[in-house]
PDB file of N, CA and C in Angstrom:
ATOM      1  N   MET A   1      21.237 162.632 -83.157  1.00  0.00           N
ATOM      2  CA  MET A   1      21.097 161.465 -83.758  1.00  0.00           C
ATOM      3  C   MET A   1      19.498 160.725 -83.845  1.00  0.00           C
ATOM      4  N   ARG A   2      19.317 160.670 -84.885  1.00  0.00           N
ATOM      5  CA  ARG A   2      17.826 159.691 -85.015  1.00  0.00           C
ATOM      6  C   ARG A   2      18.434 158.312 -85.167  1.00  0.00           C
ATOM      7  N   LYS A   3      17.216 157.126 -84.276  1.00  0.00           N
ATOM      8  CA  LYS A   3      17.808 155.793 -84.553  1.00  0.00           C
ATOM      9  C   LYS A   3      17.212 155.179 -85.957  1.00  0.00           C
ATOM     10  N   ASN A   4      16.666 155.834 -86.821  1.00  0.00           N
ATOM     11  CA  ASN A   4      16.241 155.385 -87.696  1.00  0.00           C
ATOM     12  C   ASN A   4      16.022 156.934 -89.014  1.00  0.00           C
ATOM     13  N   TYR A   5      16.444 156.417 -89.787  1.00  0.00           N
ATOM     14  CA  TYR A   5      16.145 157.248 -91.005  1.00  0.00           C
ATOM     15  C   TYR A   5      15.372 156.660 -92.166  1.00  0.00           C
ATOM     16  N   ASP A   6      14.700 157.261 -93.059  1.00  0.00           N
ATOM     17  CA  ASP A   6      13.156 156.995 -94.449  1.00  0.00           C
ATOM     18  C   ASP A   6      14.744 157.395 -95.470  1.00  0.00           C
ATOM     19  N   PHE A   7      14.503 156.386 -96.098  1.00  0.00           N
ATOM     20  CA  PHE A   7      15.552 156.652 -97.474  1.00  0.00           C
ATOM     21  C   PHE A   7      14.507 156.187 -98.840  1.00  0.00           C
ATOM     22  N   SER A   8      13.772 155.746 -98.248  1.00  0.00           N
ATOM     23  CA  SER A   8      12.126 155.390 -99.290  1.00  0.00           C
ATOM     24  C   SER A   8      11.925 156.040-100.801  1.00  0.00           C
ATOM     25  N   LYS A   9      12.367 157.904-100.111  1.00  0.00           N
ATOM     26  CA  LYS A   9      12.196 158.514-100.718  1.00  0.00           C
ATOM     27  C   LYS A   9      13.682 159.034-101.694  1.00  0.00           C
ATOM     28  N   SER A  10      14.721 159.251-100.846  1.00  0.00           N
ATOM     29  CA  SER A  10      15.935 158.893-101.701  1.00  0.00           C
ATOM     30  C   SER A  10      15.981 158.967-103.228  1.00  0.00           C
ATOM     31  N   VAL A  11      16.980 159.824-103.606  1.00  0.00           N
ATOM     32  CA  VAL A  11      17.835 159.481-105.215  1.00  0.00           C
ATOM     33  C   VAL A  11      18.877 159.510-105.406  1.00  0.00           C
ATOM     34  N   ARG A  12      18.939 158.763-106.060  1.00  0.00           N
ATOM     35  CA  ARG A  12      20.379 158.484-106.259  1.00  0.00           C
ATOM     36  C   ARG A  12      21.829 160.198-106.981  1.00  0.00           C
ATOM     37  N   ASN A  13      22.263 160.069-106.184  1.00  0.00           N
ATOM     38  CA  ASN A  13      23.034 161.450-107.366  1.00  0.00           C
ATOM     39  C   ASN A  13      23.349 160.961-108.847  1.00  0.00           C
ATOM     40  N   PRO A  14      22.869 162.087-109.303  1.00  0.00           N
ATOM     41  CA  PRO A  14      23.376 161.487-110.980  1.00  0.00           C
ATOM     42  C   PRO A  14      24.568 161.697-111.477  1.00  0.00           C
ATOM     43  N   TYR A  15      25.630 162.885-111.231  1.00  0.00           N
ATOM     44  CA  TYR A  15      26.461 162.537-110.926  1.00  0.00           C
ATOM     45  C   TYR A  15      27.661 162.253-110.624  1.00  0.00           C
ATOM     46  N   ALA A  16      27.557 161.154-109.530  1.00  0.00           N
ATOM     47  CA  ALA A  16      28.695 160.328-108.894  1.00  0.00           C
ATOM     48  C   ALA A  16      28.963 159.650-109.810  1.00  0.00           C
ATOM     49  N   ARG A  17      28.682 159.055-111.377  1.00  0.00           N
ATOM     50  CA  ARG A  17      29.529 158.053-111.818  1.00  0.00           C
ATOM     51  C   ARG A  17      30.476 159.128-112.436  1.00  0.00           C
ATOM     52  N   ARG A  18      30.163 160.550-113.204  1.00  0.00           N
ATOM     53  CA  ARG A  18      31.351 161.201-113.352  1.00  0.00           C
ATOM     54  C   ARG A  18      32.393 161.728-112.643  1.00  0.00           C
ATOM     55  N   MET A  19      31.930 162.112-111.345  1.00  0.00           N
ATOM     56  CA  MET A  19      33.057 161.641-110.335  1.00  0.00           C
ATOM     57  C   MET A  19      34.748 161.431-110.697  1.00  0.00           C
ATOM     58  N   LYS A  20      34.419 160.302-111.033  1.00  0.00           N
ATOM     59  CA  LYS A  20      35.831 159.751-110.421  1.00  0.00           C
ATOM     60  C   LYS A  20      35.612 158.133-111.595  1.00  0.00           C
ATOM     61  N   LYS A  21      36.693 158.536-112.346  1.00  0.00           N
ATOM     62  CA  LYS A  21      36.484 156.438-113.232  1.00  0.00           C
ATOM     63  C   LYS A  21      37.444 155.589-112.920  1.00  0.00           C
ATOM     64  N   GLN A  22      37.081 154.699-112.884  1.00  0.00           N
ATOM     65  CA  GLN A  22      38.186 153.522-112.984  1.00  0.00           C
ATOM     66  C   GLN A  22      38.782 152.993-114.385  1.00  0.00           C
ATOM     67  N   ILE A  23      40.494 152.869-113.017  1.00  0.00           N
ATOM     68  CA  ILE A  23      41.428 153.036-114.868  1.00  0.00           C
ATOM     69  C   ILE A  23      42.152 151.141-114.052  1.00  0.00           C
ATOM     70  N   THR A  24      42.863 151.421-115.390  1.00  0.00           N
ATOM     71  CA  THR A  24      44.036 150.738-115.220  1.00  0.00           C
ATOM     72  C   THR A  24      45.201 151.232-115.239  1.00  0.00           C
ATOM     73  N   ILE A  25      45.782 151.350-114.443  1.00  0.00           N
ATOM     74  CA  ILE A  25      47.173 152.103-114.172  1.00  0.00           C
ATOM     75  C   ILE A  25      48.753 151.295-113.987  1.00  0.00           C
ATOM     76  N   ARG A  26      49.795 151.635-114.596  1.00  0.00           N
ATOM     77  CA  ARG A  26      51.364 150.549-114.160  1.00  0.00           C
ATOM     78  C   ARG A  26      52.034 151.419-113.606  1.00  0.00           C
ATOM     79  N   ILE A  27      51.810 151.320-112.101  1.00  0.00           N
ATOM     80  CA  ILE A  27      52.864 152.518-111.454  1.00  0.00           C
ATOM     81  C   ILE A  27      54.099 151.222-110.434  1.00  0.00           C
ATOM     82  N   ASP A  28      55.454 152.407-110.191  1.00  0.00           N
ATOM     83  CA  ASP A  28      56.292 151.219-109.614  1.00  0.00           C
ATOM     84  C   ASP A  28      55.916 151.013-108.077  1.00  0.00           C
ATOM     85  N   GLU A  29      56.343 149.757-108.225  1.00  0.00           N
ATOM     86  CA  GLU A  29      56.621 149.549-106.847  1.00  0.00           C
ATOM     87  C   GLU A  29      56.625 149.916-105.546  1.00  0.00           C
ATOM     88  N   ALA A  30      58.146 150.932-105.584  1.00  0.00           N
ATOM     89  CA  ALA A  30      58.379 151.618-105.164  1.00  0.00           C
ATOM     90  C   ALA A  30      57.379 153.058-104.944  1.00  0.00           C
ATOM     91  N   ALA A  31      57.200 153.333-105.835  1.00  0.00           N
ATOM     92  CA  ALA A  31      56.383 154.532-105.850  1.00  0.00           C
ATOM     93  C   ALA A  31      55.046 154.173-105.077  1.00  0.00           C
ATOM     94  N   ILE A  32      54.018 153.017-105.224  1.00  0.00           N
ATOM     95  CA  ILE A  32      52.891 152.178-104.681  1.00  0.00           C
ATOM     96  C   ILE A  32      53.762 152.397-103.000  1.00  0.00           C
ATOM     97  N   GLY A  33      54.744 151.803-102.481  1.00  0.00           N
ATOM     98  CA  GLY A  33      55.063 151.632-101.263  1.00  0.00           C
ATOM     99  C   GLY A  33      55.124 153.038-100.762  1.00  0.00           C
ATOM    100  N   TYR A  34      55.747 154.208-101.374  1.00  0.00           N
ATOM    101  CA  TYR A  34      55.789 155.538-100.744  1.00  0.00           C
ATOM    102  C   TYR A  34      54.403 156.048-100.550  1.00  0.00           C
ATOM    103  N   PHE A  35      53.729 155.768-101.664  1.00  0.00           N
ATOM    104  CA  PHE A  35      52.114 156.033-101.199  1.00  0.00           C
ATOM    105  C   PHE A  35      51.152 155.299 -99.824  1.00  0.00           C
ATOM    106  N   LYS A  36      51.936 154.504-100.145  1.00  0.00           N
ATOM    107  CA  LYS A  36      51.298 153.359 -99.081  1.00  0.00           C
ATOM    108  C   LYS A  36      51.445 153.617 -97.789  1.00  0.00           C
ATOM    109  N   ALA A  37      52.828 153.983 -97.349  1.00  0.00           N
ATOM    110  CA  ALA A  37      53.706 154.579 -96.254  1.00  0.00           C
ATOM    111  C   ALA A  37      53.164 155.499 -95.864  1.00  0.00           C
ATOM    112  N   MET A  38      52.867 157.116 -96.571  1.00  0.00           N
ATOM    113  CA  MET A  38      52.760 158.125 -96.106  1.00  0.00           C
ATOM    114  C   MET A  38      51.140 157.961 -96.301  1.00  0.00           C
ATOM    115  N   ALA A  39      50.336 157.016 -96.987  1.00  0.00           N
ATOM    116  CA  ALA A  39      48.621 156.961 -96.294  1.00  0.00           C
ATOM    117  C   ALA A  39      48.509 156.842 -94.953  1.00  0.00           C
ATOM    118  N   GLU A  40      49.001 155.338 -94.649  1.00  0.00           N
ATOM    119  CA  GLU A  40      48.732 154.765 -93.479  1.00  0.00           C
ATOM    120  C   GLU A  40      49.836 155.999 -91.912  1.00  0.00           C
ATOM    121  N   GLU A  41      50.333 156.885 -92.817  1.00  0.00           N
ATOM    122  CA  GLU A  41      50.508 158.046 -91.818  1.00  0.00           C
ATOM    123  C   GLU A  41      49.515 158.620 -91.548  1.00  0.00           C
ATOM    124  N   ARG A  42      48.620 158.770 -92.325  1.00  0.00           N
ATOM    125  CA  ARG A  42      47.600 159.809 -92.436  1.00  0.00           C
ATOM    126  C   ARG A  42      45.982 159.215 -91.825  1.00  0.00           C
ATOM    127  N   GLY A  43      46.983 157.917 -92.025  1.00  0.00           N
ATOM    128  CA  GLY A  43      44.795 157.193 -92.191  1.00  0.00           C
ATOM    129  C   GLY A  43      43.895 156.958 -93.636  1.00  0.00           C
ATOM    130  N   ILE A  44      44.394 157.167 -94.562  1.00  0.00           N
ATOM    131  CA  ILE A  44      43.330 157.393 -95.734  1.00  0.00           C
ATOM    132  C   ILE A  44      44.128 156.037 -96.344  1.00  0.00           C
ATOM    133  N   PRO A  45      43.176 155.992 -97.187  1.00  0.00           N
ATOM    134  CA  PRO A  45      43.372 155.097 -98.612  1.00  0.00           C
ATOM    135  C   PRO A  45      44.590 155.374 -99.682  1.00  0.00           C
ATOM    136  N   TYR A  46      45.316 154.497 -99.583  1.00  0.00           N
ATOM    137  CA  TYR A  46      46.345 155.361-100.482  1.00  0.00           C
ATOM    138  C   TYR A  46      46.102 155.266-102.317  1.00  0.00           C
ATOM    139  N   GLN A  47      44.827 154.396-102.076  1.00  0.00           N
ATOM    140  CA  GLN A  47      44.407 155.446-103.826  1.00  0.00           C
ATOM    141  C   GLN A  47      44.449 156.823-103.675  1.00  0.00           C
ATOM    142  N   SER A  48      43.438 156.794-102.248  1.00  0.00           N
ATOM    143  CA  SER A  48      42.481 158.363-102.496  1.00  0.00           C
ATOM    144  C   SER A  48      43.951 159.382-102.245  1.00  0.00           C
ATOM    145  N   LEU A  49      45.111 159.094-101.826  1.00  0.00           N
ATOM    146  CA  LEU A  49      46.532 160.217-101.649  1.00  0.00           C
ATOM    147  C   LEU A  49      46.851 160.109-103.122  1.00  0.00           C
ATOM    148  N   ILE A  50      47.195 158.888-104.096  1.00  0.00           N
ATOM    149  CA  ILE A  50      47.385 159.476-105.088  1.00  0.00           C
ATOM    150  C   ILE A  50      46.779 160.169-106.166  1.00  0.00           C
ATOM    151  N   ASN A  51      45.387 159.921-105.831  1.00  0.00           N
ATOM    152  CA  ASN A  51      44.373 160.843-106.867  1.00  0.00           C
ATOM    153  C   ASN A  51      44.617 162.313-106.572  1.00  0.00           C
ATOM    154  N   TRP A  52      44.414 162.495-104.770  1.00  0.00           N
ATOM    155  CA  TRP A  52      44.570 163.948-104.600  1.00  0.00           C
ATOM    156  C   TRP A  52      45.287 164.553-104.962  1.00  0.00           C
ATOM    157  N   TYR A  53      46.728 163.550-105.213  1.00  0.00           N
ATOM    158  CA  TYR A  53      47.978 164.091-105.636  1.00  0.00           C
ATOM    159  C   TYR A  53      48.088 164.615-107.213  1.00  0.00           C
ATOM    160  N   LEU A  54      47.409 163.571-107.795  1.00  0.00           N
ATOM    161  CA  LEU A  54      47.189 164.138-109.192  1.00  0.00           C
ATOM    162  C   LEU A  54      46.426 164.682-109.466  1.00  0.00           C
ATOM    163  N   VAL A  55      45.422 165.208-108.776  1.00  0.00           N
ATOM    164  CA  VAL A  55      44.657 166.761-109.069  1.00  0.00           C
ATOM    165  C   VAL A  55      45.354 167.477-108.304  1.00  0.00           C
ATOM    166  N   GLU A  56      46.404 167.641-107.810  1.00  0.00           N
ATOM    167  CA  GLU A  56      46.911 168.800-107.139  1.00  0.00           C
ATOM    168  C   GLU A  56      47.871 169.527-107.900  1.00  0.00           C
ATOM    169  N   CYS A  57      48.630 167.881-109.172  1.00  0.00           N
ATOM    170  CA  CYS A  57      49.823 168.451-109.872  1.00  0.00           C
ATOM    171  C   CYS A  57      48.628 169.167-110.950  1.00  0.00           C
ATOM    172  N   ALA A  58      47.815 169.001-111.793  1.00  0.00           N
ATOM    173  CA  ALA A  58      46.831 169.333-112.823  1.00  0.00           C
ATOM    174  C   ALA A  58      46.411 170.623-112.229  1.00  0.00           C
ATOM    175  N   ASN A  59      46.030 170.476-111.053  1.00  0.00           N
ATOM    176  CA  ASN A  59      45.533 172.326-111.081  1.00  0.00           C
ATOM    177  C   ASN A  59      46.470 173.215-111.287  1.00  0.00           C
ATOM    178  N   GLY A  60      47.481 172.618-110.239  1.00  0.00           N
ATOM    179  CA  GLY A  60      48.730 173.924-110.393  1.00  0.00           C
ATOM    180  C   GLY A  60      49.489 173.595-112.203  1.00  0.00           C
ATOM    181  N   LYS A  61      49.031 172.855-112.542  1.00  0.00           N
ATOM    182  CA  LYS A  61      49.797 172.815-113.979  1.00  0.00           C
ATOM    183  C   LYS A  61      50.923 172.061-114.087  1.00  0.00           C
ATOM    184  N   ARG A  62      51.278 171.293-112.915  1.00  0.00           N
ATOM    185  CA  ARG A  62      52.769 170.808-112.806  1.00  0.00           C
ATOM    186  C   ARG A  62      53.282 170.031-113.865  1.00  0.00           C
ATOM    187  N   GLN A  63      54.395 170.423-114.517  1.00  0.00           N
ATOM    188  CA  GLN A  63      54.910 169.614-115.440  1.00  0.00           C
ATOM    189  C   GLN A  63      56.028 168.660-114.706  1.00  0.00           C
ATOM    190  N   PRO A  64      56.356 167.203-114.936  1.00  0.00           N
ATOM    191  CA  PRO A  64      57.535 166.486-114.482  1.00  0.00           C
ATOM    192  C   PRO A  64      58.495 166.644-114.845  1.00  0.00           C
ATOM    193  N   LYS A  65      59.710 166.225-114.268  1.00  0.00           N
ATOM    194  CA  LYS A  65      60.903 167.078-114.196  1.00  0.00           C
ATOM    195  C   LYS A  65      62.063 165.479-114.799  1.00  0.00           C
ATOM    196  N   TRP A  66      61.784 165.648-116.411  1.00  0.00           N
ATOM    197  CA  TRP A  66      62.436 164.663-117.579  1.00  0.00           C
ATOM    198  C   TRP A  66      63.561 164.675-117.453  1.00  0.00           C
ATOM    199  N   THR A  67      64.101 163.696-116.533  1.00  0.00           N
ATOM    200  CA  THR A  67      65.648 163.524-116.980  1.00  0.00           C
ATOM    201  C   THR A  67      66.444 162.600-117.480  1.00  0.00           C
TER     202      THR A  67
END
């Protein structure tokens, strides 16, 4: 690895803002606690874990079980 890198000619990724969108969502405390505990075990941020799970559900076209 170099000691110094020259980023003076670098360009921002024009698609970076499209990749994720900040929203406000209300989630039960029990659900947040579940994901926070799981994220801590794995050493990743809990919001990333929730996002990963939602993406997996969307890709698999999973439907929630309505009770």
